[in-house]
Amino acid sequence: MRWIRVSLGTGLAVWLATSPAHAEVRIGAATPLTGRVAWLGEEHERGVAMAVAELNEAGGLLGEPIELIVADDYCDDEQGRAAARKLIADGVVFVAGHLCSGAAIAASVLYQEAGIVMISPSATNPKLTEQGFGNVFRVVKRDSEQARLAGAYLAERWADAKIAILHDGTVYGRGLAEETRRQLNQRGVKETQFSEIVPNQPEYTETVSALEAAGIEVLFYGGATAEAALIARQAYERNYDLQLVGSDNLNTEYFLRVAGPAAEGVRFVAVADARTHEAAAPVVAKFRAEGYEPEGYTLYAYAVIQVWAQAVEKAGTFDARAVVEALHHNEFDTLLGRLGFDDKGDVTGVQSFIWYVRSDSGYQPAESD
């Protein structure tokens, strides 16, 4: 057996085992390596890459070395389809991805047609697993769960306040905002404003001015990190006391860097910090030894490979039909905990979302503030 060094999209490298007796089993990772959420793509890529490297260090899977191919989907529907076509053409038997809901939904149709198993570490839009594709799974809960928590939290804490709900028009952002509004309204609270912003703008002064003029006290934002950070910072700079409430996209160092002191007191519902799980400690230590902090979705991406590898072992084959059967009828030990999947491919057995609040010391569960 020999080892080769394969470079990945963000400058990472993975040592993959090859042997004259075996051809590599190819798997894919589809994630945004470029664009406005590229740092999330790096989390995804690093998590997958380490898990694959460890599989190969242990002799591969079913005695076969694993080759990882990474495709850039730009967190975009059309690019998601292009990335899927590339991975299918490359002959992958499995895809760890996609990160973004829009790209995941678009690509899932192609994987279903090609008979390729897909497990997303982060795509939360309900439509992904409502399509009836038996080969599509995710290791996080749906937006409906995130929105249920958001709607309940807004209603319990700010029933008498003027609440605005904004989104960025993406599949993820719009879906989360609409479901949050529905959950809020079900609890007898009506938002003052519900609207869409134009993403990728250098500033949102007009948006902030309009919110202030309307007397908005609480803003729930569904969408990407950059816009939320700019809105928070620009409200802070004009001494506008706006309580920002958001989703898992605020759980990044990028948000802190852009928002600055405006991040203080921001609340967000996000995936539980996998670094706190006892089972994750060795992997976290390994990442930190490499000078990388495995925040956000890094460990969720790692867990995707753990799940797929265990399903392959239970199936005794890489054949998609057998692996899908194993995924639907077993539980898997991961650094997120012991998890399984329901008939639709949604994760069971683990808690995905909890509330956090930002402070000078970082962030902590909101229940303890």
Protein backbone atom coordinates (compact mmCIF):
# COMPACT_ATOMS: atom_id res chain seq x y z
CA MET A 1 0.00 0.00 0.00
CA ARG A 2 1.20 3.51 -0.75
CA TRP A 3 -0.03 6.94 0.24
CA ILE A 4 -0.62 10.01 -1.91
CA ARG A 5 -1.14 13.62 -0.91
CA VAL A 6 -4.29 15.21 -2.34
CA SER A 7 -4.80 18.97 -2.13
CA LEU A 8 -8.30 20.27 -1.42
CA GLY A 9 -10.02 23.50 -2.35
CA THR A 10 -9.00 25.69 0.61
CA GLY A 11 -5.36 24.64 0.75
CA LEU A 12 -6.01 21.59 2.89
CA ALA A 13 -4.40 18.29 2.07
CA VAL A 14 -5.45 14.75 2.85
CA TRP A 15 -3.28 11.65 2.65
CA LEU A 16 -5.20 8.94 0.88
CA ALA A 17 -4.24 5.30 0.73
CA THR A 18 -3.90 3.57 -2.63
CA SER A 19 -3.02 0.01 -3.47
CA PRO A 20 -2.35 -1.89 -6.68
CA ALA A 21 -5.05 -4.35 -5.60
CA HIS A 22 -7.79 -1.81 -4.99
CA ALA A 23 -9.25 1.19 -6.76
CA GLU A 24 -10.24 4.07 -4.54
CA VAL A 25 -13.88 4.41 -3.58
CA ARG A 26 -14.80 7.95 -4.47
CA ILE A 27 -17.01 10.12 -2.28
CA GLY A 28 -17.86 13.77 -2.67
CA ALA A 29 -18.23 16.83 -0.47
CA ALA A 30 -20.29 19.68 -1.94
CA THR A 31 -19.98 23.00 -0.16
CA PRO A 32 -19.40 26.72 -0.81
CA LEU A 33 -15.65 27.17 -1.19
CA THR A 34 -16.14 30.65 -2.65
CA GLY A 35 -18.75 33.37 -2.18
CA ARG A 36 -20.23 35.10 0.84
CA VAL A 37 -20.41 32.01 3.08
CA ALA A 38 -17.09 30.44 2.07
CA TRP A 39 -15.96 30.28 5.70
CA LEU A 40 -18.85 27.92 6.40
CA GLY A 41 -17.68 25.83 3.47
CA GLU A 42 -14.26 25.62 5.07
CA GLU A 43 -15.84 24.23 8.24
CA HIS A 44 -17.64 21.61 6.17
CA GLU A 45 -14.57 20.71 4.13
CA ARG A 46 -12.27 20.41 7.13
CA GLY A 47 -14.68 18.18 9.03
CA VAL A 48 -15.13 15.82 6.11
CA ALA A 49 -11.42 15.81 5.23
CA MET A 50 -10.31 14.83 8.74
CA ALA A 51 -12.88 12.04 8.99
CA VAL A 52 -11.83 10.63 5.60
CA ALA A 53 -8.15 10.85 6.50
CA GLU A 54 -8.81 8.92 9.70
CA LEU A 55 -10.73 6.23 7.82
CA ASN A 56 -7.79 5.76 5.49
CA GLU A 57 -5.28 5.75 8.34
CA ALA A 58 -7.28 2.86 9.81
CA GLY A 59 -7.09 0.89 6.55
CA GLY A 60 -9.99 2.37 4.63
CA LEU A 61 -13.58 1.14 4.55
CA LEU A 62 -14.36 -2.53 3.84
CA GLY A 63 -10.67 -2.75 3.03
CA GLU A 64 -10.94 -0.07 0.34
CA PRO A 65 -9.19 3.32 0.40
CA ILE A 66 -11.45 6.38 0.16
CA GLU A 67 -10.83 9.21 -2.27
CA LEU A 68 -12.45 12.54 -1.41
CA ILE A 69 -13.51 14.92 -4.18
CA VAL A 70 -14.62 18.41 -3.13
CA ALA A 71 -16.93 20.49 -5.34
CA ASP A 72 -17.73 24.19 -4.91
CA ASP A 73 -21.49 24.86 -4.99
CA TYR A 74 -21.23 28.57 -4.07
CA CYS A 75 -24.28 28.14 -1.78
CA ASP A 76 -26.35 28.58 -4.94
CA ASP A 77 -29.10 26.50 -6.56
CA GLU A 78 -27.67 26.40 -10.07
CA GLN A 79 -24.11 25.97 -8.86
CA GLY A 80 -25.41 23.22 -6.59
CA ARG A 81 -26.70 21.38 -9.63
CA ALA A 82 -23.39 21.95 -11.43
CA ALA A 83 -21.45 20.60 -8.46
CA ALA A 84 -23.74 17.56 -8.35
CA ARG A 85 -23.22 16.88 -12.05
CA LYS A 86 -19.45 17.03 -11.55
CA LEU A 87 -19.51 14.62 -8.62
CA ILE A 88 -21.80 12.22 -10.47
CA ALA A 89 -19.50 12.33 -13.50
CA ASP A 90 -16.54 11.65 -11.19
CA GLY A 91 -18.22 8.44 -10.07
CA VAL A 92 -18.83 9.17 -6.39
CA VAL A 93 -20.93 6.69 -4.41
CA PHE A 94 -21.82 9.16 -1.66
CA VAL A 95 -22.02 12.93 -1.11
CA ALA A 96 -21.44 14.67 2.21
CA GLY A 97 -23.44 17.81 1.58
CA HIS A 98 -24.71 20.17 0.54
CA LEU A 99 -24.23 22.83 3.20
CA CYS A 100 -26.89 25.33 2.03
CA SER A 101 -30.56 24.41 1.71
CA GLY A 102 -31.07 25.85 -1.77
CA ALA A 103 -28.09 24.03 -3.23
CA ALA A 104 -28.99 20.85 -1.34
CA ILE A 105 -32.57 20.77 -2.63
CA ALA A 106 -31.49 21.48 -6.21
CA ALA A 107 -28.73 18.85 -6.16
CA SER A 108 -30.80 16.19 -4.39
CA VAL A 109 -32.94 15.65 -7.49
CA LEU A 110 -29.82 14.69 -9.48
CA TYR A 111 -28.51 12.38 -6.77
CA GLN A 112 -31.88 10.66 -6.58
CA GLU A 113 -31.84 10.07 -10.33
CA ALA A 114 -28.24 8.81 -10.17
CA GLY A 115 -28.83 6.55 -7.16
CA ILE A 116 -26.28 8.29 -4.91
CA VAL A 117 -26.65 8.61 -1.14
CA MET A 118 -26.59 12.18 0.21
CA ILE A 119 -26.27 13.27 3.84
CA SER A 120 -26.25 17.00 4.64
CA PRO A 121 -24.56 18.35 7.77
CA SER A 122 -26.60 21.55 7.82
CA ALA A 123 -29.36 22.00 5.20
CA THR A 124 -32.44 22.68 7.33
CA ASN A 125 -35.20 23.65 4.88
CA PRO A 126 -38.10 21.16 5.27
CA LYS A 127 -38.44 20.68 1.51
CA LEU A 128 -35.19 18.70 1.35
CA THR A 129 -36.71 15.66 3.03
CA GLU A 130 -40.30 16.27 1.91
CA GLN A 131 -39.51 15.28 -1.67
CA GLY A 132 -39.89 11.59 -0.93
CA PHE A 133 -36.31 10.68 -1.87
CA GLY A 134 -35.20 7.67 0.16
CA ASN A 135 -31.51 8.44 -0.45
CA VAL A 136 -31.48 11.92 1.17
CA PHE A 137 -30.65 12.44 4.86
CA ARG A 138 -29.49 15.18 7.23
CA VAL A 139 -27.90 15.19 10.70
CA VAL A 140 -29.63 18.41 11.87
CA LYS A 141 -33.27 19.14 12.54
CA ARG A 142 -35.50 21.06 10.14
CA ASP A 143 -36.08 24.81 10.03
CA SER A 144 -39.53 24.09 11.41
CA GLU A 145 -37.88 23.12 14.71
CA GLN A 146 -35.63 26.19 14.63
CA ALA A 147 -38.62 28.40 13.79
CA ARG A 148 -40.76 26.79 16.51
CA LEU A 149 -38.17 27.76 19.07
CA ALA A 150 -37.81 31.25 17.56
CA GLY A 151 -41.55 31.91 17.47
CA ALA A 152 -42.02 30.71 21.02
CA TYR A 153 -39.07 32.74 22.29
CA LEU A 154 -40.27 35.95 20.63
CA ALA A 155 -43.80 35.45 21.95
CA GLU A 156 -42.69 34.68 25.50
CA ARG A 157 -40.17 37.51 25.86
CA TRP A 158 -41.45 40.29 23.61
CA ALA A 159 -45.22 39.83 23.17
CA ASP A 160 -45.80 43.55 23.79
CA ALA A 161 -42.90 44.81 21.70
CA LYS A 162 -42.86 45.89 18.07
CA ILE A 163 -41.29 42.97 16.21
CA ALA A 164 -39.91 42.97 12.68
CA ILE A 165 -39.02 39.85 10.71
CA LEU A 166 -36.59 40.29 7.83
CA HIS A 167 -35.04 37.77 5.44
CA ASP A 168 -32.59 37.80 2.54
CA GLY A 169 -34.76 36.06 -0.05
CA THR A 170 -32.78 32.81 -0.08
CA VAL A 171 -34.44 29.42 0.27
CA TYR A 172 -32.99 29.18 3.77
CA GLY A 173 -33.68 32.75 4.88
CA ARG A 174 -37.20 33.11 3.48
CA GLY A 175 -38.26 29.68 4.67
CA LEU A 176 -37.02 30.30 8.20
CA ALA A 177 -38.58 33.77 8.38
CA GLU A 178 -41.97 32.60 7.09
CA GLU A 179 -42.11 29.67 9.47
CA THR A 180 -41.03 31.88 12.40
CA ARG A 181 -43.84 34.32 11.56
CA ARG A 182 -46.32 31.45 11.44
CA GLN A 183 -45.16 30.14 14.81
CA LEU A 184 -45.30 33.66 16.31
CA ASN A 185 -48.81 34.30 14.97
CA GLN A 186 -50.03 30.94 16.29
CA ARG A 187 -49.13 32.21 19.75
CA GLY A 188 -51.32 35.28 19.35
CA VAL A 189 -48.52 37.75 18.54
CA LYS A 190 -48.54 39.73 15.29
CA GLU A 191 -45.31 41.14 13.85
CA THR A 192 -45.22 44.85 12.99
CA GLN A 193 -43.22 44.30 9.82
CA PHE A 194 -42.29 41.39 7.55
CA SER A 195 -40.06 42.14 4.58
CA GLU A 196 -37.14 41.13 2.41
CA ILE A 197 -33.78 42.86 2.07
CA VAL A 198 -31.39 42.80 -0.86
CA PRO A 199 -28.35 40.67 0.10
CA ASN A 200 -24.68 41.43 -0.59
CA GLN A 201 -24.97 45.20 -0.02
CA PRO A 202 -22.07 47.15 1.55
CA GLU A 203 -24.38 48.82 4.08
CA TYR A 204 -27.99 48.78 5.30
CA THR A 205 -28.47 52.34 6.54
CA GLU A 206 -31.87 52.71 4.87
CA THR A 207 -33.07 49.43 6.35
CA VAL A 208 -31.96 50.43 9.84
CA SER A 209 -33.50 53.91 9.45
CA ALA A 210 -36.82 52.40 8.40
CA LEU A 211 -36.80 50.02 11.36
CA GLU A 212 -36.10 52.85 13.77
CA ALA A 213 -38.77 55.10 12.21
CA ALA A 214 -41.32 52.30 12.66
CA GLY A 215 -40.38 51.96 16.32
CA ILE A 216 -39.15 48.39 15.92
CA GLU A 217 -37.71 47.09 19.19
CA VAL A 218 -36.93 43.48 18.23
CA LEU A 219 -35.68 42.20 14.89
CA PHE A 220 -35.68 38.55 13.90
CA TYR A 221 -33.45 38.02 10.90
CA GLY A 222 -33.42 34.94 8.68
CA GLY A 223 -30.49 34.84 6.30
CA ALA A 224 -26.74 34.99 5.88
CA THR A 225 -24.28 36.29 8.43
CA ALA A 226 -22.90 39.40 6.74
CA GLU A 227 -26.20 41.25 6.43
CA ALA A 228 -27.18 40.55 10.03
CA ALA A 229 -23.80 41.79 11.26
CA LEU A 230 -24.03 45.00 9.23
CA ILE A 231 -27.58 45.74 10.44
CA ALA A 232 -26.52 45.19 14.07
CA ARG A 233 -23.43 47.38 13.71
CA GLN A 234 -25.21 50.23 11.93
CA ALA A 235 -28.01 50.26 14.51
CA TYR A 236 -25.39 50.40 17.27
CA GLU A 237 -23.51 53.24 15.58
CA ARG A 238 -26.63 55.42 15.54
CA ASN A 239 -27.46 54.57 19.19
CA TYR A 240 -30.57 52.70 18.13
CA ASP A 241 -31.37 50.13 20.81
CA LEU A 242 -32.43 47.26 18.54
CA GLN A 243 -32.56 43.74 19.94
CA LEU A 244 -31.31 41.42 17.21
CA VAL A 245 -32.55 37.83 17.29
CA GLY A 246 -31.30 35.41 14.69
CA SER A 247 -30.52 31.91 13.64
CA ASP A 248 -27.54 29.57 13.39
CA ASN A 249 -25.74 31.82 10.90
CA LEU A 250 -24.90 34.21 13.74
CA ASN A 251 -22.84 31.50 15.42
CA THR A 252 -19.59 32.50 13.69
CA GLU A 253 -16.45 34.48 14.40
CA TYR A 254 -17.19 36.41 11.20
CA PHE A 255 -20.33 37.85 12.79
CA LEU A 256 -18.30 39.02 15.76
CA ARG A 257 -15.66 40.65 13.58
CA VAL A 258 -18.18 42.58 11.49
CA ALA A 259 -20.68 43.46 14.23
CA GLY A 260 -18.02 44.41 16.78
CA PRO A 261 -19.51 45.73 20.05
CA ALA A 262 -22.99 45.48 18.54
CA ALA A 263 -22.76 41.70 19.01
CA GLU A 264 -23.20 42.13 22.76
CA GLY A 265 -26.61 40.78 23.80
CA VAL A 266 -27.52 39.34 20.40
CA ARG A 267 -29.54 36.16 20.74
CA PHE A 268 -29.66 33.32 18.28
CA VAL A 269 -31.01 29.83 18.01
CA ALA A 270 -28.31 27.58 16.64
CA VAL A 271 -27.15 24.01 16.42
CA ALA A 272 -25.81 22.82 19.73
CA ASP A 273 -22.06 23.34 20.02
CA ALA A 274 -20.73 19.87 19.24
CA ARG A 275 -17.39 20.74 20.86
CA THR A 276 -19.04 20.28 24.27
CA HIS A 277 -19.84 16.60 23.68
CA GLU A 278 -17.57 14.18 25.51
CA ALA A 279 -17.34 11.95 22.43
CA ALA A 280 -16.02 14.89 20.41
CA ALA A 281 -13.08 15.66 22.72
CA PRO A 282 -10.38 13.66 20.85
CA VAL A 283 -11.39 15.13 17.49
CA VAL A 284 -11.54 18.66 18.90
CA ALA A 285 -8.07 18.19 20.39
CA LYS A 286 -6.75 16.96 17.05
CA PHE A 287 -8.13 19.98 15.20
CA ARG A 288 -6.71 22.38 17.80
CA ALA A 289 -3.31 20.71 17.54
CA GLU A 290 -3.42 21.67 13.86
CA GLY A 291 -4.20 25.27 14.79
CA TYR A 292 -7.84 25.11 13.74
CA GLU A 293 -10.88 25.71 15.95
CA PRO A 294 -13.67 23.30 14.91
CA GLU A 295 -16.60 25.63 15.45
CA GLY A 296 -19.95 25.76 13.68
CA TYR A 297 -20.61 22.85 11.34
CA THR A 298 -17.11 21.34 11.35
CA LEU A 299 -18.02 18.48 13.65
CA TYR A 300 -21.42 17.99 12.04
CA ALA A 301 -19.61 17.39 8.75
CA TYR A 302 -17.27 14.96 10.52
CA ALA A 303 -20.32 13.14 11.91
CA VAL A 304 -21.76 12.77 8.39
CA ILE A 305 -18.76 10.65 7.43
CA GLN A 306 -19.06 8.66 10.64
CA VAL A 307 -22.70 7.85 9.86
CA TRP A 308 -22.08 6.88 6.26
CA ALA A 309 -19.06 4.73 7.13
CA GLN A 310 -21.00 2.83 9.80
CA ALA A 311 -23.90 2.32 7.39
CA VAL A 312 -21.53 0.91 4.78
CA GLU A 313 -20.06 -1.45 7.37
CA LYS A 314 -23.53 -2.60 8.44
CA ALA A 315 -24.54 -3.09 4.79
CA GLY A 316 -21.27 -4.84 3.97
CA THR A 317 -21.20 -3.04 0.63
CA PHE A 318 -21.00 0.41 -0.97
CA ASP A 319 -24.16 -0.31 -2.99
CA ALA A 320 -26.52 2.65 -2.50
CA ARG A 321 -29.66 0.58 -2.02
CA ALA A 322 -28.09 -1.46 0.77
CA VAL A 323 -26.57 1.61 2.40
CA VAL A 324 -29.93 3.45 2.31
CA GLU A 325 -31.56 0.44 3.95
CA ALA A 326 -28.90 0.48 6.68
CA LEU A 327 -29.33 4.22 7.24
CA HIS A 328 -33.09 3.89 7.67
CA HIS A 329 -33.00 0.90 10.03
CA ASN A 330 -30.06 1.46 12.37
CA GLU A 331 -28.64 3.92 14.88
CA PHE A 332 -25.11 5.29 14.68
CA ASP A 333 -22.58 6.33 17.30
CA THR A 334 -21.17 9.75 16.43
CA LEU A 335 -19.50 12.65 18.17
CA LEU A 336 -22.95 14.30 18.15
CA GLY A 337 -24.39 11.37 20.09
CA ARG A 338 -26.27 8.25 19.05
CA LEU A 339 -28.56 9.14 16.16
CA GLY A 340 -30.83 7.60 13.56
CA PHE A 341 -33.20 8.71 10.82
CA ASP A 342 -36.95 8.63 10.30
CA ASP A 343 -38.69 7.49 7.13
CA LYS A 344 -38.11 10.86 5.48
CA GLY A 345 -34.40 11.00 6.28
CA ASP A 346 -34.66 13.52 9.12
CA VAL A 347 -32.38 12.93 12.08
CA THR A 348 -33.66 11.40 15.32
CA GLY A 349 -32.09 10.90 18.72
CA VAL A 350 -30.16 14.17 19.01
CA GLN A 351 -31.05 17.73 19.93
CA SER A 352 -30.11 20.20 17.22
CA PHE A 353 -31.08 23.72 18.30
CA ILE A 354 -30.73 25.70 21.51
CA TRP A 355 -30.71 29.42 22.35
CA TYR A 356 -27.47 31.34 22.81
CA VAL A 357 -26.64 34.89 23.83
CA ARG A 358 -23.49 36.82 22.91
CA SER A 359 -21.36 38.47 25.60
CA ASP A 360 -17.81 39.70 26.16
CA SER A 361 -16.77 36.13 26.97
CA GLY A 362 -18.12 34.71 23.73
CA TYR A 363 -21.54 33.04 23.82
CA GLN A 364 -23.38 30.78 26.18
CA PRO A 365 -26.80 29.17 26.42
CA ALA A 366 -29.38 31.93 26.84
CA GLU A 367 -31.03 30.09 29.73
CA SER A 368 -27.98 30.87 31.86
CA ASP A 369 -27.88 34.64 31.20
